[in-house]
Amino acid sequence: MVASLTSRLWSRVTGLVATARSSTLARAALTTGILTILCKLLGFAKELQIASRFGVGSTLDSYLVAVVLPNLVSNVFAISFASSLVMQYVRHRTNDGEDIARERYASTMFWGLIFITSVAVTGVLLGPVLLPWMSPGFRPELQASTQKLLWMMVPYTILAGTSAIWSSILSARGRFAASAMSPGVISIAMILVVWFWQISDARVLIAGLTIGSIIDLAILGYCLKQEGLPLLPTAGWWHPEDSWIVAQTSPMIVASLLRFSSIVIDQSMASTLGEGSVSELNYGSRWVAMVQGLISLPLGKILFPHFVQLVETRKWQDVRTLLHRSVLVLLAIAAPITLILAAFSGPLVHWTFERGQFTSEMATRVAAVQVMYAMQFPFFLWSALLGRLAIAMQLRRVILTCGVLNLAMNIGMNYLLMQRMGVTGIALSTALVYLSAACYFSAAIHVALQRKIREEQQVEPDSHPDSHTPPEPLAAA
């Protein structure tokens, strides 16, 4: 039975791939996927160099906690704002034309940059309050050095937030390659900086991040100019549409904060398990995160603008079809990769990280963490895809509810599992959280799509008064 189901699933997937091979969406996914693979390989080379130079210890722990701030700004505030900006841009381009879309983009970006800068500075000012909570296991002197790193991170934080917004708007314009190259540019800069300065100091890593972000922003800016989009925002008074951006972005920020806080909570709870535990948790996710990015980043950058376009034109059947096909392909890809990552976790970690300051004993502990992280792979891809569709459909209550449930479950499962399994328990908790998020999103989006489709079917007969064909029963729909 299992062989028959697998055979049918594989034939279905290959059929979908063959059908989509000539489509624009598939070509864009292929191009972006290739560039993402290259960037992930560069990122992995960066991780190897950092592991060899710093090993697992307090210096790297301090850097990993400090880098949470720029990650928070770019992955929560900037991405949430960019998602709303993309929806506004696509709507104006579809309904009002390109000129109006560009004008509103330039005006909205003015407030977006003010918002990102304010969040970055506020985050650093709140450092003395937040750091004891983020790293309760740190010694006082280690927390003091982490606070200094936070101040050094401010320029990179603003650059990273701006890059996230520019990348999203370029994806909406169909320039997927430019946004896919960003992580690779930063990785190259960090590799060169760490190689040039032969010292084990976290400030070297921050210098690499900042230099790489400046180069990345220059490349993205050049691409924006090619598309006819302004680099400098247009200063002006508050526009009524800016209120729509706030209303749309606010729940996404809250939901993203709840989701991102799980990462902070994981690190915070890991810091109580002893020195080096935060680093073990970080290295245990490296292989899994790299493979996840190879699949989720291209699809996220490509599918989200496509979902927004379908929702804007109210093509709900097409939305459901694209969703079903995408989930099927993702799960078919994720299942064997999960088994491979779990089965070969030990050799992968020992072969890649065990050198320099990274000892064999460290590699063994990290490999155990990686096995548990590998279990999240299919659930992460599934929930990430559904989350992007929920944003496109503006299901704000669903997004917020899922974020609250995930946060509560993450804290509870972390506490229970880390008592028995240590750092590996925190990694297993992450997989269970993504599974619950995928199930919740699936149910909520299914109900929402069914409602939208029924509404469309009820409207259609009214638009054809001469038609005597009765509508299909709702039960059949």
Protein backbone atom coordinates (compact mmCIF):
# COMPACT_ATOMS: atom_id res chain seq x y z
CA MET A 1 0.00 0.00 0.00
CA VAL A 2 2.80 2.43 0.96
CA ALA A 3 4.63 1.70 -2.31
CA SER A 4 1.45 2.29 -4.30
CA LEU A 5 0.75 5.60 -2.55
CA THR A 6 4.35 6.72 -3.02
CA SER A 7 4.23 5.81 -6.71
CA ARG A 8 1.00 7.73 -7.25
CA LEU A 9 2.31 10.74 -5.33
CA TRP A 10 5.54 10.78 -7.35
CA SER A 11 3.69 10.51 -10.67
CA ARG A 12 1.41 13.35 -9.62
CA VAL A 13 4.37 15.55 -8.68
CA THR A 14 6.28 14.81 -11.89
CA GLY A 15 3.15 15.59 -13.87
CA LEU A 16 2.79 18.94 -12.13
CA VAL A 17 6.46 19.73 -12.73
CA ALA A 18 6.20 18.82 -16.42
CA THR A 19 3.10 21.00 -16.82
CA ALA A 20 4.71 23.97 -15.10
CA ARG A 21 8.09 23.69 -16.78
CA SER A 22 7.27 26.18 -19.50
CA SER A 23 5.46 28.67 -17.26
CA THR A 24 6.90 31.99 -16.18
CA LEU A 25 6.40 31.07 -12.54
CA ALA A 26 8.42 27.87 -12.93
CA ARG A 27 11.25 29.63 -14.79
CA ALA A 28 11.42 32.29 -12.10
CA ALA A 29 11.49 29.61 -9.41
CA LEU A 30 14.31 27.80 -11.22
CA THR A 31 16.42 30.95 -11.61
CA THR A 32 15.84 32.04 -8.03
CA GLY A 33 16.48 28.51 -6.78
CA ILE A 34 19.87 28.33 -8.48
CA LEU A 35 20.93 31.69 -7.05
CA THR A 36 19.63 30.69 -3.62
CA ILE A 37 21.68 27.48 -3.74
CA LEU A 38 24.78 29.52 -4.53
CA CYS A 39 24.04 31.98 -1.70
CA LYS A 40 23.38 29.16 0.77
CA LEU A 41 26.67 27.51 -0.13
CA LEU A 42 28.43 30.82 0.47
CA GLY A 43 26.56 31.19 3.75
CA PHE A 44 27.61 27.72 4.78
CA ALA A 45 31.23 28.50 3.94
CA LYS A 46 30.89 31.56 6.19
CA GLU A 47 29.56 29.37 9.02
CA LEU A 48 32.47 26.97 8.62
CA GLN A 49 34.97 29.80 8.87
CA ILE A 50 33.24 31.24 11.94
CA ALA A 51 33.11 27.80 13.58
CA SER A 52 36.80 27.26 12.95
CA ARG A 53 37.72 30.70 14.31
CA PHE A 54 35.36 30.93 17.32
CA GLY A 55 34.32 27.36 18.14
CA VAL A 56 31.53 27.10 20.75
CA GLY A 57 31.96 29.62 23.54
CA SER A 58 31.02 32.90 25.20
CA THR A 59 32.32 35.18 22.40
CA LEU A 60 30.05 33.62 19.80
CA ASP A 61 27.18 33.38 22.29
CA SER A 62 27.42 37.15 22.83
CA TYR A 63 27.39 37.83 19.08
CA LEU A 64 24.42 35.50 18.49
CA VAL A 65 22.37 37.30 21.12
CA ALA A 66 23.35 40.76 19.80
CA VAL A 67 22.48 39.88 16.20
CA VAL A 68 18.90 39.16 17.31
CA LEU A 69 18.14 42.91 17.06
CA PRO A 70 18.91 43.35 13.32
CA ASN A 71 17.23 40.02 12.60
CA LEU A 72 14.19 41.25 14.50
CA VAL A 73 14.04 44.50 12.54
CA SER A 74 14.50 42.89 9.11
CA ASN A 75 12.50 39.67 9.60
CA VAL A 76 9.64 41.15 11.64
CA PHE A 77 9.21 44.90 11.18
CA ALA A 78 10.71 45.38 7.71
CA ILE A 79 9.20 42.22 6.18
CA SER A 80 5.76 43.00 7.64
CA PHE A 81 5.93 46.55 6.28
CA ALA A 82 7.25 45.28 2.93
CA SER A 83 4.37 42.78 2.61
CA SER A 84 1.83 45.59 3.02
CA LEU A 85 3.81 47.78 0.62
CA VAL A 86 3.82 45.02 -2.01
CA MET A 87 0.03 44.57 -1.67
CA GLN A 88 -0.46 48.32 -2.04
CA TYR A 89 1.90 48.47 -5.02
CA VAL A 90 0.26 45.53 -6.83
CA ARG A 91 -3.22 46.95 -6.24
CA HIS A 92 -2.29 50.39 -7.64
CA ARG A 93 -0.43 48.89 -10.59
CA THR A 94 -3.44 46.69 -11.41
CA ASN A 95 -6.15 49.32 -10.95
CA ASP A 96 -4.51 52.75 -11.39
CA GLY A 97 -1.40 52.23 -13.52
CA GLU A 98 2.35 52.21 -13.03
CA ASP A 99 2.79 55.95 -12.38
CA ILE A 100 0.39 56.00 -9.42
CA ALA A 101 1.97 52.83 -8.03
CA ARG A 102 5.46 54.39 -8.11
CA GLU A 103 4.24 57.63 -6.55
CA ARG A 104 2.60 55.83 -3.63
CA TYR A 105 5.67 53.60 -3.20
CA ALA A 106 7.99 56.61 -2.85
CA SER A 107 5.70 58.31 -0.37
CA THR A 108 5.14 55.22 1.77
CA MET A 109 8.88 54.43 1.85
CA PHE A 110 9.50 57.76 3.61
CA TRP A 111 7.50 56.65 6.62
CA GLY A 112 8.90 53.13 6.35
CA LEU A 113 12.50 54.29 6.77
CA ILE A 114 11.56 56.48 9.73
CA PHE A 115 9.81 53.48 11.26
CA ILE A 116 12.80 51.13 10.80
CA THR A 117 15.31 53.64 12.17
CA SER A 118 13.13 54.32 15.21
CA VAL A 119 12.77 50.61 15.97
CA ALA A 120 16.54 50.06 15.63
CA VAL A 121 17.48 52.86 18.02
CA THR A 122 14.71 51.95 20.49
CA GLY A 123 15.88 48.36 20.55
CA VAL A 124 19.41 49.38 21.52
CA LEU A 125 18.18 51.81 24.18
CA LEU A 126 16.12 49.00 25.71
CA GLY A 127 19.14 46.69 25.68
CA PRO A 128 19.87 46.94 29.43
CA VAL A 129 16.26 45.89 30.08
CA LEU A 130 16.00 43.18 27.42
CA LEU A 131 19.41 41.51 27.68
CA PRO A 132 18.93 40.02 31.18
CA TRP A 133 15.74 38.42 29.85
CA MET A 134 17.29 37.32 26.54
CA SER A 135 20.39 35.82 28.18
CA PRO A 136 19.70 35.00 31.82
CA GLY A 137 22.63 32.57 31.90
CA PHE A 138 25.21 35.21 30.88
CA ARG A 139 27.70 36.60 33.38
CA PRO A 140 27.39 40.38 34.06
CA GLU A 141 30.57 41.16 32.11
CA LEU A 142 29.32 39.12 29.14
CA GLN A 143 26.01 41.00 29.15
CA ALA A 144 27.94 44.31 29.23
CA SER A 145 29.98 43.32 26.16
CA THR A 146 26.78 42.22 24.39
CA GLN A 147 25.28 45.68 25.01
CA LYS A 148 28.31 47.26 23.29
CA LEU A 149 27.80 44.95 20.33
CA LEU A 150 24.18 46.09 20.13
CA TRP A 151 25.29 49.71 19.60
CA MET A 152 27.71 48.60 16.90
CA MET A 153 24.83 46.77 15.17
CA VAL A 154 22.68 49.91 14.64
CA PRO A 155 24.00 50.82 11.12
CA TYR A 156 23.69 47.21 9.96
CA THR A 157 20.18 47.02 11.42
CA ILE A 158 18.97 50.01 9.37
CA LEU A 159 20.72 48.71 6.24
CA ALA A 160 19.21 45.23 6.68
CA GLY A 161 15.71 46.64 7.12
CA THR A 162 16.01 48.79 4.00
CA SER A 163 17.36 45.84 2.04
CA ALA A 164 14.38 43.69 3.05
CA ILE A 165 11.94 46.32 1.74
CA TRP A 166 13.79 46.89 -1.53
CA SER A 167 14.08 43.14 -2.12
CA SER A 168 10.33 42.69 -1.68
CA ILE A 169 9.41 45.47 -4.10
CA LEU A 170 11.88 44.11 -6.68
CA SER A 171 10.24 40.68 -6.35
CA ALA A 172 6.86 42.31 -7.02
CA ARG A 173 8.43 43.75 -10.20
CA GLY A 174 9.62 40.30 -11.24
CA ARG A 175 13.31 40.95 -10.40
CA PHE A 176 13.66 37.82 -8.29
CA ALA A 177 17.35 37.30 -9.01
CA ALA A 178 18.41 40.62 -7.48
CA SER A 179 16.71 39.93 -4.14
CA ALA A 180 17.94 36.33 -4.09
CA MET A 181 21.58 37.49 -4.31
CA SER A 182 21.51 39.57 -1.09
CA PRO A 183 22.52 36.85 1.41
CA GLY A 184 25.40 35.75 -0.82
CA VAL A 185 26.83 39.25 -1.02
CA ILE A 186 26.86 39.56 2.77
CA SER A 187 28.39 36.10 3.18
CA ILE A 188 31.26 36.93 0.80
CA ALA A 189 31.98 40.14 2.71
CA MET A 190 32.02 38.31 6.06
CA ILE A 191 34.31 35.56 4.72
CA LEU A 192 36.81 38.13 3.46
CA VAL A 193 36.70 40.25 6.62
CA VAL A 194 37.12 37.28 8.98
CA TRP A 195 39.97 35.96 6.82
CA PHE A 196 41.71 39.35 6.72
CA TRP A 197 41.48 40.08 10.47
CA GLN A 198 42.99 37.04 12.16
CA ILE A 199 41.45 37.69 15.58
CA SER A 200 38.62 35.99 17.48
CA ASP A 201 36.64 39.15 18.19
CA ALA A 202 32.88 39.54 17.63
CA ARG A 203 33.47 43.05 16.27
CA VAL A 204 35.05 41.46 13.19
CA LEU A 205 31.75 39.70 12.45
CA ILE A 206 29.81 42.97 12.81
CA ALA A 207 32.24 44.73 10.46
CA GLY A 208 31.66 42.00 7.86
CA LEU A 209 27.89 42.31 8.21
CA THR A 210 27.98 46.09 7.79
CA ILE A 211 30.32 46.10 4.78
CA GLY A 212 28.32 43.36 3.07
CA SER A 213 25.04 45.20 3.66
CA ILE A 214 26.40 48.39 2.10
CA ILE A 215 27.44 46.49 -1.04
CA ASP A 216 24.11 44.64 -1.11
CA LEU A 217 22.14 47.88 -0.84
CA ALA A 218 24.15 49.38 -3.68
CA ILE A 219 23.26 46.41 -5.94
CA LEU A 220 19.57 46.57 -5.01
CA GLY A 221 19.56 50.33 -5.55
CA TYR A 222 20.98 49.91 -9.04
CA CYS A 223 18.21 47.40 -9.86
CA LEU A 224 15.57 49.77 -8.52
CA LYS A 225 16.85 52.55 -10.77
CA GLN A 226 16.67 50.18 -13.74
CA GLU A 227 13.01 49.58 -12.90
CA GLY A 228 12.34 53.30 -12.74
CA LEU A 229 11.68 53.28 -9.01
CA PRO A 230 13.12 56.12 -6.89
CA LEU A 231 15.91 55.38 -4.43
CA LEU A 232 15.13 58.34 -2.19
CA PRO A 233 11.68 58.41 -0.60
CA THR A 234 9.38 61.35 -1.14
CA ALA A 235 8.83 63.31 2.06
CA GLY A 236 5.27 64.44 2.53
CA TRP A 237 2.29 64.70 4.80
CA TRP A 238 0.39 61.68 6.05
CA HIS A 239 -1.77 60.16 3.29
CA PRO A 240 -5.03 58.29 3.97
CA GLU A 241 -3.49 55.19 2.39
CA ASP A 242 -0.72 55.29 4.98
CA SER A 243 -3.40 54.49 7.53
CA TRP A 244 -4.26 51.38 5.51
CA ILE A 245 -0.59 50.38 5.59
CA VAL A 246 -0.58 50.77 9.38
CA ALA A 247 -3.80 48.79 9.76
CA GLN A 248 -2.45 46.02 7.54
CA THR A 249 1.07 45.95 8.98
CA SER A 250 0.23 46.12 12.70
CA PRO A 251 -1.31 42.64 13.09
CA MET A 252 1.44 41.15 10.94
CA ILE A 253 4.07 42.73 13.19
CA VAL A 254 2.37 41.39 16.30
CA ALA A 255 2.10 37.90 14.80
CA SER A 256 5.70 38.02 13.54
CA LEU A 257 6.88 39.24 16.95
CA LEU A 258 5.14 36.30 18.57
CA ARG A 259 6.77 33.94 16.08
CA PHE A 260 10.20 35.59 16.29
CA SER A 261 10.03 35.69 20.07
CA SER A 262 10.12 31.90 19.94
CA ILE A 263 13.68 32.16 18.61
CA VAL A 264 14.61 34.56 21.39
CA ILE A 265 12.94 32.33 23.96
CA ASP A 266 14.81 29.30 22.61
CA GLN A 267 18.14 31.12 23.00
CA SER A 268 17.17 32.51 26.38
CA MET A 269 16.19 29.09 27.77
CA ALA A 270 19.28 27.50 26.17
CA SER A 271 21.52 30.03 27.95
CA THR A 272 20.38 28.57 31.29
CA LEU A 273 21.78 25.15 30.30
CA GLY A 274 25.41 26.25 30.49
CA GLU A 275 28.04 28.19 28.53
CA GLY A 276 28.11 27.28 24.83
CA SER A 277 24.51 25.99 24.76
CA VAL A 278 23.32 28.93 22.63
CA SER A 279 26.07 28.17 20.12
CA GLU A 280 25.15 24.48 20.07
CA LEU A 281 21.55 25.40 19.32
CA ASN A 282 22.72 27.72 16.53
CA TYR A 283 25.05 25.23 14.87
CA GLY A 284 22.46 22.45 15.19
CA SER A 285 20.14 24.41 12.95
CA ARG A 286 22.69 25.38 10.27
CA TRP A 287 22.25 22.45 7.86
CA VAL A 288 18.48 22.43 8.30
CA ALA A 289 18.22 26.20 7.84
CA MET A 290 20.36 26.07 4.72
CA VAL A 291 18.19 23.42 3.05
CA GLN A 292 15.00 25.17 4.17
CA GLY A 293 16.20 28.40 2.62
CA LEU A 294 16.95 26.69 -0.69
CA ILE A 295 13.25 25.86 -1.02
CA SER A 296 11.29 28.35 1.06
CA LEU A 297 13.04 31.58 0.00
CA PRO A 298 12.54 31.20 -3.78
CA LEU A 299 8.93 30.07 -3.36
CA GLY A 300 8.19 32.81 -0.83
CA LYS A 301 9.59 35.57 -3.04
CA ILE A 302 7.78 34.26 -6.13
CA LEU A 303 4.52 32.87 -4.80
CA PHE A 304 3.63 35.76 -2.50
CA PRO A 305 3.28 38.41 -5.28
CA HIS A 306 1.43 35.77 -7.33
CA PHE A 307 -0.96 35.05 -4.46
CA VAL A 308 -1.51 38.80 -3.98
CA GLN A 309 -2.37 39.17 -7.68
CA LEU A 310 -4.86 36.27 -7.59
CA VAL A 311 -6.49 37.57 -4.41
CA GLU A 312 -6.73 41.09 -5.83
CA THR A 313 -8.54 39.75 -8.92
CA ARG A 314 -10.66 37.40 -6.73
CA LYS A 315 -9.64 34.22 -8.55
CA TRP A 316 -10.29 31.98 -5.56
CA GLN A 317 -10.36 28.71 -7.48
CA ASP A 318 -6.94 29.53 -8.90
CA VAL A 319 -5.70 30.34 -5.39
CA ARG A 320 -6.87 26.96 -4.11
CA THR A 321 -5.37 25.11 -7.08
CA LEU A 322 -2.00 26.84 -6.73
CA LEU A 323 -2.00 26.21 -2.98
CA HIS A 324 -2.76 22.50 -3.32
CA ARG A 325 -0.10 22.00 -5.96
CA SER A 326 2.51 23.94 -4.02
CA VAL A 327 1.87 22.02 -0.78
CA LEU A 328 2.03 18.71 -2.64
CA VAL A 329 5.35 19.53 -4.26
CA LEU A 330 6.85 20.91 -1.03
CA LEU A 331 5.93 17.86 1.05
CA ALA A 332 7.15 15.46 -1.65
CA ILE A 333 10.52 17.24 -1.63
CA ALA A 334 10.72 17.64 2.15
CA ALA A 335 10.05 14.03 3.19
CA PRO A 336 13.22 12.42 1.76
CA ILE A 337 15.38 15.42 2.72
CA THR A 338 14.22 15.10 6.34
CA LEU A 339 15.19 11.43 6.44
CA ILE A 340 18.61 12.16 4.94
CA LEU A 341 19.37 15.01 7.36
CA ALA A 342 18.38 12.90 10.36
CA ALA A 343 20.15 9.72 9.24
CA PHE A 344 23.44 11.40 8.32
CA SER A 345 23.43 14.11 11.00
CA GLY A 346 26.59 12.85 12.73
CA PRO A 347 28.81 12.59 9.63
CA LEU A 348 27.54 15.95 8.31
CA VAL A 349 28.38 17.85 11.50
CA HIS A 350 31.74 16.14 12.10
CA TRP A 351 32.81 16.59 8.48
CA THR A 352 31.80 20.25 8.20
CA PHE A 353 32.37 21.83 11.62
CA GLU A 354 35.04 19.74 13.36
CA ARG A 355 38.17 21.85 12.89
CA GLY A 356 40.09 24.53 14.74
CA GLN A 357 38.35 25.45 18.01
CA PHE A 358 35.39 23.19 17.17
CA THR A 359 36.21 19.85 18.84
CA SER A 360 34.86 16.33 18.25
CA GLU A 361 32.89 16.45 21.51
CA MET A 362 31.19 19.68 20.39
CA ALA A 363 30.33 18.10 17.03
CA THR A 364 28.69 15.11 18.73
CA ARG A 365 26.43 17.35 20.83
CA VAL A 366 25.53 19.51 17.83
CA ALA A 367 24.68 16.44 15.74
CA ALA A 368 22.09 15.35 18.33
CA VAL A 369 20.50 18.80 18.17
CA GLN A 370 20.45 18.66 14.36
CA VAL A 371 18.48 15.38 14.35
CA MET A 372 15.67 17.05 16.27
CA TYR A 373 15.79 20.18 14.12
CA ALA A 374 15.50 18.04 10.97
CA MET A 375 12.04 16.92 12.05
CA GLN A 376 10.69 20.45 11.59
CA PHE A 377 11.62 20.61 7.90
CA PRO A 378 8.32 19.57 6.21
CA PHE A 379 6.20 21.38 8.80
CA PHE A 380 8.22 24.57 8.42
CA LEU A 381 7.77 24.65 4.65
CA TRP A 382 4.08 23.84 4.96
CA SER A 383 3.35 26.50 7.57
CA ALA A 384 5.52 29.13 5.82
CA LEU A 385 3.60 28.72 2.55
CA LEU A 386 0.24 28.91 4.31
CA GLY A 387 1.37 31.92 6.31
CA ARG A 388 2.22 33.88 3.14
CA LEU A 389 -1.20 33.06 1.69
CA ALA A 390 -2.88 34.15 4.94
CA ILE A 391 -1.10 37.52 4.61
CA ALA A 392 -2.18 37.87 0.98
CA MET A 393 -5.80 37.10 1.97
CA GLN A 394 -5.52 39.58 4.88
CA LEU A 395 -6.59 36.98 7.44
CA ARG A 396 -5.36 39.12 10.34
CA ARG A 397 -7.23 37.34 13.12
CA VAL A 398 -5.99 33.96 11.91
CA ILE A 399 -2.38 35.18 11.83
CA LEU A 400 -2.59 36.69 15.31
CA THR A 401 -4.28 33.65 16.83
CA CYS A 402 -1.69 31.33 15.34
CA GLY A 403 1.12 33.49 16.73
CA VAL A 404 -0.31 33.44 20.26
CA LEU A 405 -0.86 29.67 20.19
CA ASN A 406 2.66 29.04 18.85
CA LEU A 407 4.26 31.21 21.54
CA ALA A 408 2.39 29.49 24.36
CA MET A 409 3.15 26.04 22.97
CA ASN A 410 6.82 26.88 22.43
CA ILE A 411 7.36 27.99 26.03
CA GLY A 412 5.53 24.99 27.46
CA MET A 413 7.19 22.38 25.23
CA ASN A 414 10.64 23.95 25.73
CA TYR A 415 10.30 23.76 29.49
CA LEU A 416 9.06 20.17 29.50
CA LEU A 417 11.54 18.77 26.95
CA MET A 418 14.67 20.62 28.08
CA GLN A 419 14.28 19.07 31.55
CA ARG A 420 14.82 15.62 30.04
CA MET A 421 16.76 16.28 26.83
CA GLY A 422 18.63 19.57 27.32
CA VAL A 423 19.31 21.59 24.15
CA THR A 424 17.97 18.77 21.94
CA GLY A 425 14.60 19.13 23.67
CA ILE A 426 14.41 22.77 22.61
CA ALA A 427 15.05 21.71 18.99
CA LEU A 428 12.32 19.06 19.17
CA SER A 429 9.90 21.62 20.60
CA THR A 430 10.44 23.79 17.50
CA ALA A 431 9.33 20.94 15.22
CA LEU A 432 6.15 20.41 17.23
CA VAL A 433 5.35 24.14 17.12
CA TYR A 434 5.65 24.24 13.31
CA LEU A 435 3.42 21.16 13.04
CA SER A 436 0.68 22.81 15.09
CA ALA A 437 1.00 26.04 13.05
CA ALA A 438 0.66 24.15 9.76
CA CYS A 439 -2.47 22.33 10.96
CA TYR A 440 -4.10 25.51 12.24
CA PHE A 441 -3.34 27.50 9.08
CA SER A 442 -4.61 24.65 6.89
CA ALA A 443 -7.96 24.52 8.65
CA ALA A 444 -8.42 28.30 8.77
CA ILE A 445 -7.46 28.91 5.12
CA HIS A 446 -9.64 26.01 3.94
CA VAL A 447 -12.66 27.56 5.67
CA ALA A 448 -11.83 31.04 4.30
CA LEU A 449 -11.42 29.80 0.72
CA GLN A 450 -14.64 27.79 0.87
CA ARG A 451 -16.48 30.90 2.03
CA LYS A 452 -14.98 33.05 -0.73
CA ILE A 453 -15.82 30.48 -3.42
CA ARG A 454 -19.43 30.16 -2.18
CA GLU A 455 -19.80 33.95 -2.25
CA GLU A 456 -18.57 34.05 -5.85
CA GLN A 457 -20.95 31.27 -6.87
CA GLN A 458 -23.87 33.16 -5.31
CA VAL A 459 -22.95 36.37 -7.15
CA GLU A 460 -22.59 34.73 -10.59
CA PRO A 461 -26.32 33.95 -11.19
CA ASP A 462 -27.24 37.54 -10.29
CA SER A 463 -24.91 38.84 -12.99
CA HIS A 464 -26.72 36.70 -15.64
CA PRO A 465 -30.48 37.36 -15.10
CA ASP A 466 -31.48 35.64 -18.35
CA SER A 467 -29.82 32.42 -17.40
CA HIS A 468 -32.16 29.64 -16.29
CA THR A 469 -29.39 27.36 -15.11
CA PRO A 470 -29.77 26.89 -11.35
CA PRO A 471 -26.65 27.35 -9.21
CA GLU A 472 -24.92 24.37 -7.74
CA PRO A 473 -26.04 23.44 -4.24
CA LEU A 474 -23.83 24.82 -1.49
CA ALA A 475 -23.39 21.36 -0.04
CA ALA A 476 -21.88 20.18 -3.31
CA ALA A 477 -19.52 23.15 -3.32
